[in-house]
Amino acid sequence: MSPTAPNLKPLVRTWLALFALTLLSLALGHWLQGANWLSLLVAAIIWLKGDLIARHFLESARATPFIARLLRYFIAFTPLALIFTAFFGREFARWATL
């Protein structure tokens, strides 16, 4: 390995963590099918995966504070939307219809 070659170990570890979280999501969906709180677990896994991708592949720590904050809000939006839809789906559907 040359002295200027990038260290890929953190990226490989992150990729393996994302793969493991995906397998965990599939297993939880199979085992806990229909559980009321499954949405909370899925939302947490989605948030964790988004955070891993932002930190290790998008390098959000190197971004300006405004962009890093905006990215954090964007990553938090999907799990929050999933939770609100799971627990308040009828209200959101009624609100969204014309």
PDB file of N, CA and C in Angstrom:
ATOM      1  N   MET A   1       0.855  -1.174   0.000  1.00  0.00           N
ATOM      2  CA  MET A   1       0.000   0.000   0.000  1.00  0.00           C
ATOM      3  C   MET A   1       0.897   1.231   0.000  1.00  0.00           C
ATOM      4  N   SER A   2       0.647   2.143  -0.912  1.00  0.00           N
ATOM      5  CA  SER A   2       1.461   3.343  -1.009  1.00  0.00           C
ATOM      6  C   SER A   2       1.103   4.310   0.113  1.00  0.00           C
ATOM      7  N   PRO A   3       2.021   5.221   0.464  1.00  0.00           N
ATOM      8  CA  PRO A   3       1.744   6.161   1.560  1.00  0.00           C
ATOM      9  C   PRO A   3       0.588   7.117   1.267  1.00  0.00           C
ATOM     10  N   THR A   4       0.259   7.323   0.002  1.00  0.00           N
ATOM     11  CA  THR A   4      -0.827   8.250  -0.322  1.00  0.00           C
ATOM     12  C   THR A   4      -2.163   7.539  -0.534  1.00  0.00           C
ATOM     13  N   ALA A   5      -2.183   6.229  -0.445  1.00  0.00           N
ATOM     14  CA  ALA A   5      -3.429   5.482  -0.644  1.00  0.00           C
ATOM     15  C   ALA A   5      -4.381   5.747   0.523  1.00  0.00           C
ATOM     16  N   PRO A   6      -5.663   5.913   0.224  1.00  0.00           N
ATOM     17  CA  PRO A   6      -6.622   6.173   1.300  1.00  0.00           C
ATOM     18  C   PRO A   6      -6.843   4.919   2.156  1.00  0.00           C
ATOM     19  N   ASN A   7      -7.155   5.149   3.409  1.00  0.00           N
ATOM     20  CA  ASN A   7      -7.465   4.050   4.313  1.00  0.00           C
ATOM     21  C   ASN A   7      -8.937   3.704   4.144  1.00  0.00           C
ATOM     22  N   LEU A   8      -9.201   2.521   3.630  1.00  0.00           N
ATOM     23  CA  LEU A   8     -10.570   2.124   3.342  1.00  0.00           C
ATOM     24  C   LEU A   8     -11.214   1.334   4.475  1.00  0.00           C
ATOM     25  N   LYS A   9     -10.462   1.038   5.524  1.00  0.00           N
ATOM     26  CA  LYS A   9     -11.017   0.232   6.619  1.00  0.00           C
ATOM     27  C   LYS A   9     -12.257   0.860   7.253  1.00  0.00           C
ATOM     28  N   PRO A  10     -12.265   2.168   7.542  1.00  0.00           N
ATOM     29  CA  PRO A  10     -13.493   2.749   8.125  1.00  0.00           C
ATOM     30  C   PRO A  10     -14.700   2.635   7.192  1.00  0.00           C
ATOM     31  N   LEU A  11     -14.465   2.775   5.890  1.00  0.00           N
ATOM     32  CA  LEU A  11     -15.573   2.672   4.950  1.00  0.00           C
ATOM     33  C   LEU A  11     -16.091   1.240   4.854  1.00  0.00           C
ATOM     34  N   VAL A  12     -15.188   0.279   4.899  1.00  0.00           N
ATOM     35  CA  VAL A  12     -15.602  -1.125   4.867  1.00  0.00           C
ATOM     36  C   VAL A  12     -16.382  -1.459   6.134  1.00  0.00           C
ATOM     37  N   ARG A  13     -15.905  -0.981   7.291  1.00  0.00           N
ATOM     38  CA  ARG A  13     -16.638  -1.212   8.546  1.00  0.00           C
ATOM     39  C   ARG A  13     -18.021  -0.575   8.501  1.00  0.00           C
ATOM     40  N   THR A  14     -18.101   0.612   7.949  1.00  0.00           N
ATOM     41  CA  THR A  14     -19.397   1.285   7.831  1.00  0.00           C
ATOM     42  C   THR A  14     -20.315   0.512   6.894  1.00  0.00           C
ATOM     43  N   TRP A  15     -19.786   0.049   5.773  1.00  0.00           N
ATOM     44  CA  TRP A  15     -20.590  -0.731   4.845  1.00  0.00           C
ATOM     45  C   TRP A  15     -21.087  -2.008   5.512  1.00  0.00           C
ATOM     46  N   LEU A  16     -20.228  -2.674   6.267  1.00  0.00           N
ATOM     47  CA  LEU A  16     -20.644  -3.891   6.971  1.00  0.00           C
ATOM     48  C   LEU A  16     -21.717  -3.583   8.026  1.00  0.00           C
ATOM     49  N   ALA A  17     -21.583  -2.448   8.706  1.00  0.00           N
ATOM     50  CA  ALA A  17     -22.594  -2.047   9.687  1.00  0.00           C
ATOM     51  C   ALA A  17     -23.932  -1.779   8.999  1.00  0.00           C
ATOM     52  N   LEU A  18     -23.895  -1.124   7.842  1.00  0.00           N
ATOM     53  CA  LEU A  18     -25.132  -0.878   7.095  1.00  0.00           C
ATOM     54  C   LEU A  18     -25.766  -2.191   6.646  1.00  0.00           C
ATOM     55  N   PHE A  19     -24.947  -3.128   6.212  1.00  0.00           N
ATOM     56  CA  PHE A  19     -25.446  -4.438   5.802  1.00  0.00           C
ATOM     57  C   PHE A  19     -26.069  -5.171   6.990  1.00  0.00           C
ATOM     58  N   ALA A  20     -25.392  -5.116   8.141  1.00  0.00           N
ATOM     59  CA  ALA A  20     -25.919  -5.774   9.348  1.00  0.00           C
ATOM     60  C   ALA A  20     -27.234  -5.137   9.791  1.00  0.00           C
ATOM     61  N   LEU A  21     -27.334  -3.818   9.718  1.00  0.00           N
ATOM     62  CA  LEU A  21     -28.580  -3.139  10.080  1.00  0.00           C
ATOM     63  C   LEU A  21     -29.712  -3.496   9.115  1.00  0.00           C
ATOM     64  N   THR A  22     -29.380  -3.688   7.850  1.00  0.00           N
ATOM     65  CA  THR A  22     -30.389  -4.104   6.885  1.00  0.00           C
ATOM     66  C   THR A  22     -30.890  -5.508   7.209  1.00  0.00           C
ATOM     67  N   LEU A  23     -29.964  -6.413   7.517  1.00  0.00           N
ATOM     68  CA  LEU A  23     -30.369  -7.770   7.893  1.00  0.00           C
ATOM     69  C   LEU A  23     -31.189  -7.755   9.182  1.00  0.00           C
ATOM     70  N   LEU A  24     -30.807  -6.912  10.135  1.00  0.00           N
ATOM     71  CA  LEU A  24     -31.558  -6.779  11.375  1.00  0.00           C
ATOM     72  C   LEU A  24     -32.974  -6.281  11.095  1.00  0.00           C
ATOM     73  N   SER A  25     -33.104  -5.326  10.185  1.00  0.00           N
ATOM     74  CA  SER A  25     -34.429  -4.813   9.820  1.00  0.00           C
ATOM     75  C   SER A  25     -35.308  -5.918   9.251  1.00  0.00           C
ATOM     76  N   LEU A  26     -34.729  -6.721   8.374  1.00  0.00           N
ATOM     77  CA  LEU A  26     -35.494  -7.828   7.797  1.00  0.00           C
ATOM     78  C   LEU A  26     -35.911  -8.829   8.864  1.00  0.00           C
ATOM     79  N   ALA A  27     -34.991  -9.157   9.756  1.00  0.00           N
ATOM     80  CA  ALA A  27     -35.298 -10.123  10.817  1.00  0.00           C
ATOM     81  C   ALA A  27     -36.360  -9.578  11.767  1.00  0.00           C
ATOM     82  N   LEU A  28     -36.248  -8.326  12.154  1.00  0.00           N
ATOM     83  CA  LEU A  28     -37.240  -7.727  13.046  1.00  0.00           C
ATOM     84  C   LEU A  28     -38.617  -7.693  12.392  1.00  0.00           C
ATOM     85  N   GLY A  29     -38.655  -7.374  11.108  1.00  0.00           N
ATOM     86  CA  GLY A  29     -39.930  -7.360  10.407  1.00  0.00           C
ATOM     87  C   GLY A  29     -40.567  -8.737  10.360  1.00  0.00           C
ATOM     88  N   HIS A  30     -39.737  -9.761  10.255  1.00  0.00           N
ATOM     89  CA  HIS A  30     -40.259 -11.125  10.218  1.00  0.00           C
ATOM     90  C   HIS A  30     -40.699 -11.593  11.607  1.00  0.00           C
ATOM     91  N   TRP A  31     -39.868 -11.344  12.618  1.00  0.00           N
ATOM     92  CA  TRP A  31     -40.149 -11.818  13.978  1.00  0.00           C
ATOM     93  C   TRP A  31     -41.263 -11.039  14.663  1.00  0.00           C
ATOM     94  N   LEU A  32     -41.259  -9.723  14.499  1.00  0.00           N
ATOM     95  CA  LEU A  32     -42.187  -8.862  15.241  1.00  0.00           C
ATOM     96  C   LEU A  32     -43.330  -8.360  14.372  1.00  0.00           C
ATOM     97  N   GLN A  33     -43.695  -9.121  13.411  1.00  0.00           N
ATOM     98  CA  GLN A  33     -44.744  -8.755  12.468  1.00  0.00           C
ATOM     99  C   GLN A  33     -46.007  -8.315  13.209  1.00  0.00           C
ATOM    100  N   GLY A  34     -46.443  -7.103  12.947  1.00  0.00           N
ATOM    101  CA  GLY A  34     -47.672  -6.603  13.534  1.00  0.00           C
ATOM    102  C   GLY A  34     -47.517  -5.969  14.909  1.00  0.00           C
ATOM    103  N   ALA A  35     -46.319  -5.962  15.483  1.00  0.00           N
ATOM    104  CA  ALA A  35     -46.129  -5.336  16.799  1.00  0.00           C
ATOM    105  C   ALA A  35     -46.300  -3.826  16.668  1.00  0.00           C
ATOM    106  N   ASN A  36     -46.951  -3.236  17.648  1.00  0.00           N
ATOM    107  CA  ASN A  36     -47.216  -1.790  17.603  1.00  0.00           C
ATOM    108  C   ASN A  36     -45.940  -0.961  17.623  1.00  0.00           C
ATOM    109  N   TRP A  37     -44.949  -1.397  18.339  1.00  0.00           N
ATOM    110  CA  TRP A  37     -43.731  -0.611  18.508  1.00  0.00           C
ATOM    111  C   TRP A  37     -42.670  -0.935  17.471  1.00  0.00           C
ATOM    112  N   LEU A  38     -42.972  -1.792  16.498  1.00  0.00           N
ATOM    113  CA  LEU A  38     -42.011  -2.110  15.442  1.00  0.00           C
ATOM    114  C   LEU A  38     -41.636  -0.863  14.644  1.00  0.00           C
ATOM    115  N   SER A  39     -42.587   0.033  14.475  1.00  0.00           N
ATOM    116  CA  SER A  39     -42.306   1.280  13.742  1.00  0.00           C
ATOM    117  C   SER A  39     -41.207   2.087  14.416  1.00  0.00           C
ATOM    118  N   LEU A  40     -41.190   2.076  15.742  1.00  0.00           N
ATOM    119  CA  LEU A  40     -40.143   2.813  16.460  1.00  0.00           C
ATOM    120  C   LEU A  40     -38.763   2.207  16.209  1.00  0.00           C
ATOM    121  N   LEU A  41     -38.688   0.875  16.201  1.00  0.00           N
ATOM    122  CA  LEU A  41     -37.410   0.219  15.911  1.00  0.00           C
ATOM    123  C   LEU A  41     -36.954   0.486  14.484  1.00  0.00           C
ATOM    124  N   VAL A  42     -37.868   0.393  13.551  1.00  0.00           N
ATOM    125  CA  VAL A  42     -37.523   0.645  12.154  1.00  0.00           C
ATOM    126  C   VAL A  42     -37.072   2.096  11.973  1.00  0.00           C
ATOM    127  N   ALA A  43     -37.755   3.023  12.609  1.00  0.00           N
ATOM    128  CA  ALA A  43     -37.372   4.437  12.522  1.00  0.00           C
ATOM    129  C   ALA A  43     -35.980   4.658  13.105  1.00  0.00           C
ATOM    130  N   ALA A  44     -35.671   4.002  14.208  1.00  0.00           N
ATOM    131  CA  ALA A  44     -34.341   4.143  14.810  1.00  0.00           C
ATOM    132  C   ALA A  44     -33.259   3.583  13.883  1.00  0.00           C
ATOM    133  N   ILE A  45     -33.547   2.466  13.247  1.00  0.00           N
ATOM    134  CA  ILE A  45     -32.570   1.876  12.328  1.00  0.00           C
ATOM    135  C   ILE A  45     -32.379   2.770  11.100  1.00  0.00           C
ATOM    136  N   ILE A  46     -33.465   3.329  10.591  1.00  0.00           N
ATOM    137  CA  ILE A  46     -33.358   4.251   9.452  1.00  0.00           C
ATOM    138  C   ILE A  46     -32.525   5.461   9.823  1.00  0.00           C
ATOM    139  N   TRP A  47     -32.774   6.007  11.007  1.00  0.00           N
ATOM    140  CA  TRP A  47     -31.992   7.176  11.442  1.00  0.00           C
ATOM    141  C   TRP A  47     -30.512   6.813  11.573  1.00  0.00           C
ATOM    142  N   LEU A  48     -30.216   5.668  12.181  1.00  0.00           N
ATOM    143  CA  LEU A  48     -28.826   5.242  12.360  1.00  0.00           C
ATOM    144  C   LEU A  48     -28.139   5.032  11.020  1.00  0.00           C
ATOM    145  N   LYS A  49     -28.813   4.402  10.077  1.00  0.00           N
ATOM    146  CA  LYS A  49     -28.230   4.191   8.761  1.00  0.00           C
ATOM    147  C   LYS A  49     -27.974   5.524   8.051  1.00  0.00           C
ATOM    148  N   GLY A  50     -28.928   6.442   8.134  1.00  0.00           N
ATOM    149  CA  GLY A  50     -28.736   7.757   7.528  1.00  0.00           C
ATOM    150  C   GLY A  50     -27.572   8.505   8.146  1.00  0.00           C
ATOM    151  N   ASP A  51     -27.444   8.403   9.455  1.00  0.00           N
ATOM    152  CA  ASP A  51     -26.331   9.061  10.140  1.00  0.00           C
ATOM    153  C   ASP A  51     -24.995   8.463   9.723  1.00  0.00           C
ATOM    154  N   LEU A  52     -24.927   7.157   9.632  1.00  0.00           N
ATOM    155  CA  LEU A  52     -23.691   6.501   9.190  1.00  0.00           C
ATOM    156  C   LEU A  52     -23.309   6.936   7.778  1.00  0.00           C
ATOM    157  N   ILE A  53     -24.276   6.971   6.900  1.00  0.00           N
ATOM    158  CA  ILE A  53     -24.001   7.377   5.519  1.00  0.00           C
ATOM    159  C   ILE A  53     -23.529   8.829   5.472  1.00  0.00           C
ATOM    160  N   ALA A  54     -24.177   9.690   6.224  1.00  0.00           N
ATOM    161  CA  ALA A  54     -23.798  11.111   6.222  1.00  0.00           C
ATOM    162  C   ALA A  54     -22.390  11.312   6.771  1.00  0.00           C
ATOM    163  N   ARG A  55     -22.071  10.627   7.852  1.00  0.00           N
ATOM    164  CA  ARG A  55     -20.757  10.824   8.467  1.00  0.00           C
ATOM    165  C   ARG A  55     -19.627  10.203   7.667  1.00  0.00           C
ATOM    166  N   HIS A  56     -19.828   9.002   7.133  1.00  0.00           N
ATOM    167  CA  HIS A  56     -18.712   8.283   6.522  1.00  0.00           C
ATOM    168  C   HIS A  56     -18.641   8.393   5.010  1.00  0.00           C
ATOM    169  N   PHE A  57     -19.758   8.550   4.336  1.00  0.00           N
ATOM    170  CA  PHE A  57     -19.722   8.616   2.880  1.00  0.00           C
ATOM    171  C   PHE A  57     -19.937  10.032   2.354  1.00  0.00           C
ATOM    172  N   LEU A  58     -20.759  10.824   3.025  1.00  0.00           N
ATOM    173  CA  LEU A  58     -20.977  12.203   2.603  1.00  0.00           C
ATOM    174  C   LEU A  58     -20.042  13.174   3.315  1.00  0.00           C
ATOM    175  N   GLU A  59     -19.328  12.681   4.324  1.00  0.00           N
ATOM    176  CA  GLU A  59     -18.367  13.477   5.104  1.00  0.00           C
ATOM    177  C   GLU A  59     -19.004  14.759   5.628  1.00  0.00           C
ATOM    178  N   SER A  60     -20.113  14.597   6.327  1.00  0.00           N
ATOM    179  CA  SER A  60     -20.847  15.759   6.841  1.00  0.00           C
ATOM    180  C   SER A  60     -20.036  16.551   7.865  1.00  0.00           C
ATOM    181  N   ALA A  61     -19.065  15.919   8.510  1.00  0.00           N
ATOM    182  CA  ALA A  61     -18.243  16.640   9.492  1.00  0.00           C
ATOM    183  C   ALA A  61     -17.357  17.693   8.822  1.00  0.00           C
ATOM    184  N   ARG A  62     -17.095  17.536   7.544  1.00  0.00           N
ATOM    185  CA  ARG A  62     -16.253  18.497   6.821  1.00  0.00           C
ATOM    186  C   ARG A  62     -17.068  19.619   6.184  1.00  0.00           C
ATOM    187  N   ALA A  63     -18.389  19.496   6.225  1.00  0.00           N
ATOM    188  CA  ALA A  63     -19.259  20.503   5.610  1.00  0.00           C
ATOM    189  C   ALA A  63     -19.341  21.739   6.504  1.00  0.00           C
ATOM    190  N   THR A  64     -19.837  22.809   5.933  1.00  0.00           N
ATOM    191  CA  THR A  64     -20.058  24.014   6.732  1.00  0.00           C
ATOM    192  C   THR A  64     -21.120  23.711   7.783  1.00  0.00           C
ATOM    193  N   PRO A  65     -21.140  24.447   8.886  1.00  0.00           N
ATOM    194  CA  PRO A  65     -22.133  24.175   9.931  1.00  0.00           C
ATOM    195  C   PRO A  65     -23.575  24.222   9.415  1.00  0.00           C
ATOM    196  N   PHE A  66     -23.878  25.133   8.509  1.00  0.00           N
ATOM    197  CA  PHE A  66     -25.232  25.227   7.969  1.00  0.00           C
ATOM    198  C   PHE A  66     -25.598  23.960   7.195  1.00  0.00           C
ATOM    199  N   ILE A  67     -24.723  23.503   6.339  1.00  0.00           N
ATOM    200  CA  ILE A  67     -24.985  22.302   5.536  1.00  0.00           C
ATOM    201  C   ILE A  67     -25.054  21.077   6.438  1.00  0.00           C
ATOM    202  N   ALA A  68     -24.172  20.970   7.417  1.00  0.00           N
ATOM    203  CA  ALA A  68     -24.191  19.826   8.335  1.00  0.00           C
ATOM    204  C   ALA A  68     -25.501  19.786   9.120  1.00  0.00           C
ATOM    205  N   ARG A  69     -25.972  20.938   9.584  1.00  0.00           N
ATOM    206  CA  ARG A  69     -27.234  21.010  10.320  1.00  0.00           C
ATOM    207  C   ARG A  69     -28.406  20.657   9.409  1.00  0.00           C
ATOM    208  N   LEU A  70     -28.402  21.182   8.203  1.00  0.00           N
ATOM    209  CA  LEU A  70     -29.446  20.881   7.238  1.00  0.00           C
ATOM    210  C   LEU A  70     -29.489  19.379   6.930  1.00  0.00           C
ATOM    211  N   LEU A  71     -28.343  18.771   6.798  1.00  0.00           N
ATOM    212  CA  LEU A  71     -28.266  17.330   6.540  1.00  0.00           C
ATOM    213  C   LEU A  71     -28.805  16.536   7.727  1.00  0.00           C
ATOM    214  N   ARG A  72     -28.491  16.967   8.950  1.00  0.00           N
ATOM    215  CA  ARG A  72     -29.036  16.288  10.137  1.00  0.00           C
ATOM    216  C   ARG A  72     -30.559  16.365  10.164  1.00  0.00           C
ATOM    217  N   TYR A  73     -31.120  17.521   9.829  1.00  0.00           N
ATOM    218  CA  TYR A  73     -32.575  17.668   9.798  1.00  0.00           C
ATOM    219  C   TYR A  73     -33.183  16.784   8.711  1.00  0.00           C
ATOM    220  N   PHE A  74     -32.542  16.738   7.565  1.00  0.00           N
ATOM    221  CA  PHE A  74     -33.029  15.916   6.463  1.00  0.00           C
ATOM    222  C   PHE A  74     -33.028  14.437   6.858  1.00  0.00           C
ATOM    223  N   ILE A  75     -31.967  13.991   7.530  1.00  0.00           N
ATOM    224  CA  ILE A  75     -31.868  12.597   7.955  1.00  0.00           C
ATOM    225  C   ILE A  75     -32.916  12.287   9.026  1.00  0.00           C
ATOM    226  N   ALA A  76     -33.223  13.224   9.882  1.00  0.00           N
ATOM    227  CA  ALA A  76     -34.207  13.000  10.943  1.00  0.00           C
ATOM    228  C   ALA A  76     -35.641  13.024  10.413  1.00  0.00           C
ATOM    229  N   PHE A  77     -35.877  13.629   9.257  1.00  0.00           N
ATOM    230  CA  PHE A  77     -37.230  13.772   8.736  1.00  0.00           C
ATOM    231  C   PHE A  77     -37.886  12.426   8.433  1.00  0.00           C
ATOM    232  N   THR A  78     -37.183  11.527   7.776  1.00  0.00           N
ATOM    233  CA  THR A  78     -37.792  10.254   7.378  1.00  0.00           C
ATOM    234  C   THR A  78     -38.221   9.411   8.570  1.00  0.00           C
ATOM    235  N   PRO A  79     -37.365   9.192   9.580  1.00  0.00           N
ATOM    236  CA  PRO A  79     -37.844   8.412  10.726  1.00  0.00           C
ATOM    237  C   PRO A  79     -39.009   9.079  11.447  1.00  0.00           C
ATOM    238  N   LEU A  80     -38.967  10.395  11.569  1.00  0.00           N
ATOM    239  CA  LEU A  80     -40.083  11.090  12.220  1.00  0.00           C
ATOM    240  C   LEU A  80     -41.361  10.946  11.408  1.00  0.00           C
ATOM    241  N   ALA A  81     -41.257  11.058  10.098  1.00  0.00           N
ATOM    242  CA  ALA A  81     -42.436  10.890   9.250  1.00  0.00           C
ATOM    243  C   ALA A  81     -42.981   9.468   9.366  1.00  0.00           C
ATOM    244  N   LEU A  82     -42.102   8.494   9.467  1.00  0.00           N
ATOM    245  CA  LEU A  82     -42.535   7.105   9.630  1.00  0.00           C
ATOM    246  C   LEU A  82     -43.285   6.924  10.947  1.00  0.00           C
ATOM    247  N   ILE A  83     -42.762   7.493  12.019  1.00  0.00           N
ATOM    248  CA  ILE A  83     -43.411   7.373  13.331  1.00  0.00           C
ATOM    249  C   ILE A  83     -44.775   8.061  13.324  1.00  0.00           C
ATOM    250  N   PHE A  84     -44.827   9.293  12.792  1.00  0.00           N
ATOM    251  CA  PHE A  84     -46.097  10.009  12.759  1.00  0.00           C
ATOM    252  C   PHE A  84     -47.125   9.284  11.897  1.00  0.00           C
ATOM    253  N   THR A  85     -46.674   8.725  10.782  1.00  0.00           N
ATOM    254  CA  THR A  85     -47.587   7.992   9.913  1.00  0.00           C
ATOM    255  C   THR A  85     -48.078   6.716  10.586  1.00  0.00           C
ATOM    256  N   ALA A  86     -47.185   6.023  11.299  1.00  0.00           N
ATOM    257  CA  ALA A  86     -47.566   4.773  11.950  1.00  0.00           C
ATOM    258  C   ALA A  86     -48.567   5.006  13.076  1.00  0.00           C
ATOM    259  N   PHE A  87     -48.383   6.077  13.834  1.00  0.00           N
ATOM    260  CA  PHE A  87     -49.236   6.297  14.992  1.00  0.00           C
ATOM    261  C   PHE A  87     -50.407   7.251  14.739  1.00  0.00           C
ATOM    262  N   PHE A  88     -50.280   8.116  13.739  1.00  0.00           N
ATOM    263  CA  PHE A  88     -51.337   9.090  13.448  1.00  0.00           C
ATOM    264  C   PHE A  88     -51.701   9.075  11.969  1.00  0.00           C
ATOM    265  N   GLY A  89     -51.699   7.899  11.352  1.00  0.00           N
ATOM    266  CA  GLY A  89     -51.900   7.772   9.911  1.00  0.00           C
ATOM    267  C   GLY A  89     -53.222   8.316   9.424  1.00  0.00           C
ATOM    268  N   ARG A  90     -54.303   8.034  10.147  1.00  0.00           N
ATOM    269  CA  ARG A  90     -55.614   8.504   9.700  1.00  0.00           C
ATOM    270  C   ARG A  90     -55.704  10.031   9.720  1.00  0.00           C
ATOM    271  N   GLU A  91     -55.145  10.645  10.743  1.00  0.00           N
ATOM    272  CA  GLU A  91     -55.177  12.105  10.828  1.00  0.00           C
ATOM    273  C   GLU A  91     -54.391  12.732   9.684  1.00  0.00           C
ATOM    274  N   PHE A  92     -53.210  12.146   9.381  1.00  0.00           N
ATOM    275  CA  PHE A  92     -52.409  12.678   8.273  1.00  0.00           C
ATOM    276  C   PHE A  92     -53.097  12.454   6.936  1.00  0.00           C
ATOM    277  N   ALA A  93     -53.736  11.311   6.767  1.00  0.00           N
ATOM    278  CA  ALA A  93     -54.448  11.038   5.517  1.00  0.00           C
ATOM    279  C   ALA A  93     -55.607  12.014   5.342  1.00  0.00           C
ATOM    280  N   ARG A  94     -56.309  12.276   6.411  1.00  0.00           N
ATOM    281  CA  ARG A  94     -57.438  13.225   6.347  1.00  0.00           C
ATOM    282  C   ARG A  94     -56.930  14.631   6.054  1.00  0.00           C
ATOM    283  N   TRP A  95     -55.814  14.992   6.625  1.00  0.00           N
ATOM    284  CA  TRP A  95     -55.224  16.314   6.417  1.00  0.00           C
ATOM    285  C   TRP A  95     -54.731  16.477   4.976  1.00  0.00           C
ATOM    286  N   ALA A  96     -54.253  15.380   4.382  1.00  0.00           N
ATOM    287  CA  ALA A  96     -53.656  15.457   3.043  1.00  0.00           C
ATOM    288  C   ALA A  96     -54.669  15.362   1.915  1.00  0.00           C
ATOM    289  N   THR A  97     -55.903  14.947   2.207  1.00  0.00           N
ATOM    290  CA  THR A  97     -56.893  14.826   1.127  1.00  0.00           C
ATOM    291  C   THR A  97     -57.496  16.174   0.800  1.00  0.00           C
ATOM    292  N   LEU A  98     -57.970  16.287  -0.398  1.00  0.00           N
ATOM    293  CA  LEU A  98     -58.563  17.565  -0.839  1.00  0.00           C
ATOM    294  C   LEU A  98     -60.021  17.649  -0.489  1.00  0.00           C
TER     295      LEU A  98
END
